[in-house]
Amino acid sequence: MAVRALRGATQVDADDRGQILDRSAELVTAVLERNELVSDDIISIWFTATPDLTAEFPAYAARLLGLTDVPLMCATEMSVPGALPRVLRLLAHVDTPKPRSAMRHVYLHGARALRTDLPQ
C-alpha cells in the first residue's frame, strides 16, 4: 500500500448551508467512487472554502456520510482577486495499492474550470 493524495473541488451557487452540505457530500462521494475507495482507505481529508462561504463546515457533510472516524479539517482558502467564487476544495490522503498515475481527481460544477486538463 502507498499513501496517495487526491484533490477535488466543487462550486456552490450561494452561501447556503444545505447547498454546502449537498455539494460537499457529492464531492466526497465522487472522489471515493472514481477511485474505488472505501472509508477505511481514507487517512484524512482537508477541506477549504473560499472566504465567501461561511454557512456550514464542509467536513460536517463527510460526517453525515458516515466518515466518523476519519480525521477531517476545514480552513479558509486564500482570498485572491479574480479567483472563482464559492468554491469548496478537498485534499484527501488515502491508502491504496494504485500508482499515482491511476488516481482520479474530481472537479464538479463550476469548479471544473479550475482543472480543464483533467479527464472528467
Protein backbone atom coordinates (compact mmCIF):
# COMPACT_ATOMS: atom_id res chain seq x y z
CA MET A 1 0.00 0.00 0.00
CA ALA A 2 1.04 3.55 -0.64
CA VAL A 3 -0.20 6.89 0.62
CA ARG A 4 -1.70 8.93 -2.21
CA ALA A 5 -3.25 12.37 -2.27
CA LEU A 6 -6.43 13.21 -4.14
CA ARG A 7 -7.71 16.68 -4.98
CA GLY A 8 -11.20 17.81 -5.67
CA ALA A 9 -13.36 20.91 -5.83
CA THR A 10 -16.91 21.99 -6.41
CA GLN A 11 -18.74 25.27 -6.65
CA VAL A 12 -21.95 26.22 -4.88
CA ASP A 13 -24.48 28.76 -6.11
CA ALA A 14 -24.88 30.56 -2.78
CA ASP A 15 -23.63 30.65 0.80
CA ASP A 16 -26.40 28.29 1.83
CA ARG A 17 -25.99 25.59 4.49
CA GLY A 18 -27.99 22.97 2.57
CA GLN A 19 -26.11 23.57 -0.65
CA ILE A 20 -22.72 23.44 1.09
CA LEU A 21 -23.66 20.13 2.68
CA ASP A 22 -25.09 18.69 -0.55
CA ARG A 23 -22.17 19.71 -2.76
CA SER A 24 -19.57 18.65 -0.17
CA ALA A 25 -21.19 15.24 0.15
CA GLU A 26 -21.38 14.93 -3.63
CA LEU A 27 -17.67 15.76 -3.90
CA VAL A 28 -16.55 13.30 -1.23
CA THR A 29 -18.73 10.56 -2.73
CA ALA A 30 -17.38 11.20 -6.24
CA VAL A 31 -13.75 11.09 -5.05
CA LEU A 32 -14.36 7.75 -3.33
CA GLU A 33 -16.32 6.22 -6.21
CA ARG A 34 -13.99 7.33 -9.01
CA ASN A 35 -11.02 5.93 -7.13
CA GLU A 36 -12.75 2.76 -5.89
CA LEU A 37 -12.12 3.66 -2.26
CA VAL A 38 -14.00 2.94 0.96
CA SER A 39 -13.90 4.85 4.23
CA ASP A 40 -11.24 2.53 5.70
CA ASP A 41 -8.87 3.66 2.91
CA ILE A 42 -9.06 7.32 3.97
CA ILE A 43 -6.27 8.63 6.18
CA SER A 44 -7.55 12.22 6.40
CA ILE A 45 -9.35 14.92 4.44
CA TRP A 46 -8.54 18.63 4.46
CA PHE A 47 -11.36 20.89 3.26
CA THR A 48 -11.10 24.54 2.30
CA ALA A 49 -13.79 27.05 1.41
CA THR A 50 -13.41 30.41 -0.26
CA PRO A 51 -13.96 33.31 2.17
CA ASP A 52 -17.47 33.91 0.80
CA LEU A 53 -18.70 30.55 2.21
CA THR A 54 -19.46 30.61 5.93
CA ALA A 55 -22.86 28.92 6.35
CA GLU A 56 -21.50 25.45 7.26
CA PHE A 57 -18.35 23.38 7.63
CA PRO A 58 -17.83 21.14 4.57
CA ALA A 59 -16.40 18.45 6.85
CA TYR A 60 -19.80 18.10 8.50
CA ALA A 61 -21.10 16.65 5.23
CA ALA A 62 -18.42 13.94 5.41
CA ARG A 63 -19.51 13.13 8.97
CA LEU A 64 -23.10 12.80 7.75
CA LEU A 65 -21.84 10.33 5.11
CA GLY A 66 -20.51 8.14 7.92
CA LEU A 67 -16.86 9.21 7.98
CA THR A 68 -16.97 9.49 11.76
CA ASP A 69 -13.52 8.04 12.50
CA VAL A 70 -11.62 9.90 9.75
CA PRO A 71 -9.63 12.99 10.74
CA LEU A 72 -11.20 15.98 8.97
CA MET A 73 -10.14 19.64 8.96
CA CYS A 74 -11.62 22.82 7.48
CA ALA A 75 -9.87 26.06 6.60
CA THR A 76 -10.47 29.22 4.62
CA GLU A 77 -8.94 29.37 1.15
CA MET A 78 -6.74 32.32 0.23
CA SER A 79 -8.60 35.40 -0.96
CA VAL A 80 -7.11 36.03 -4.39
CA PRO A 81 -8.55 38.82 -6.57
CA GLY A 82 -10.37 37.38 -9.56
CA ALA A 83 -10.48 33.84 -8.15
CA LEU A 84 -13.51 31.65 -8.75
CA PRO A 85 -16.07 32.41 -6.01
CA ARG A 86 -17.98 29.99 -3.75
CA VAL A 87 -15.57 27.07 -4.12
CA LEU A 88 -15.17 24.11 -1.79
CA ARG A 89 -11.93 22.15 -2.14
CA LEU A 90 -10.62 18.96 -0.61
CA LEU A 91 -7.29 17.21 -0.27
CA ALA A 92 -7.70 13.58 0.76
CA HIS A 93 -4.86 11.30 1.82
CA VAL A 94 -5.61 7.64 1.20
CA ASP A 95 -4.04 4.19 1.44
CA THR A 96 -4.15 2.45 -1.93
CA PRO A 97 -2.14 -0.03 -3.99
CA LYS A 98 -2.77 2.09 -7.11
CA PRO A 99 0.04 4.12 -8.66
CA ARG A 100 -0.18 7.91 -8.55
CA SER A 101 -0.97 7.94 -12.28
CA ALA A 102 -4.16 5.96 -11.64
CA MET A 103 -5.61 8.42 -9.14
CA ARG A 104 -8.64 10.39 -10.40
CA HIS A 105 -9.04 13.93 -9.11
CA VAL A 106 -12.60 15.28 -9.13
CA TYR A 107 -13.76 18.76 -10.14
CA LEU A 108 -17.51 19.33 -10.24
CA HIS A 109 -19.92 22.05 -11.35
CA GLY A 110 -18.25 25.44 -11.93
CA ALA A 111 -15.02 24.20 -10.35
CA ARG A 112 -14.35 22.15 -13.49
CA ALA A 113 -12.88 25.39 -14.87
CA LEU A 114 -10.05 25.10 -12.33
CA ARG A 115 -8.62 21.94 -13.94
CA THR A 116 -9.57 21.69 -17.59
CA ASP A 117 -6.52 19.46 -18.10
CA LEU A 118 -8.07 16.56 -16.16
CA PRO A 119 -10.49 13.98 -17.56
CA GLN A 120 -13.96 14.22 -16.05
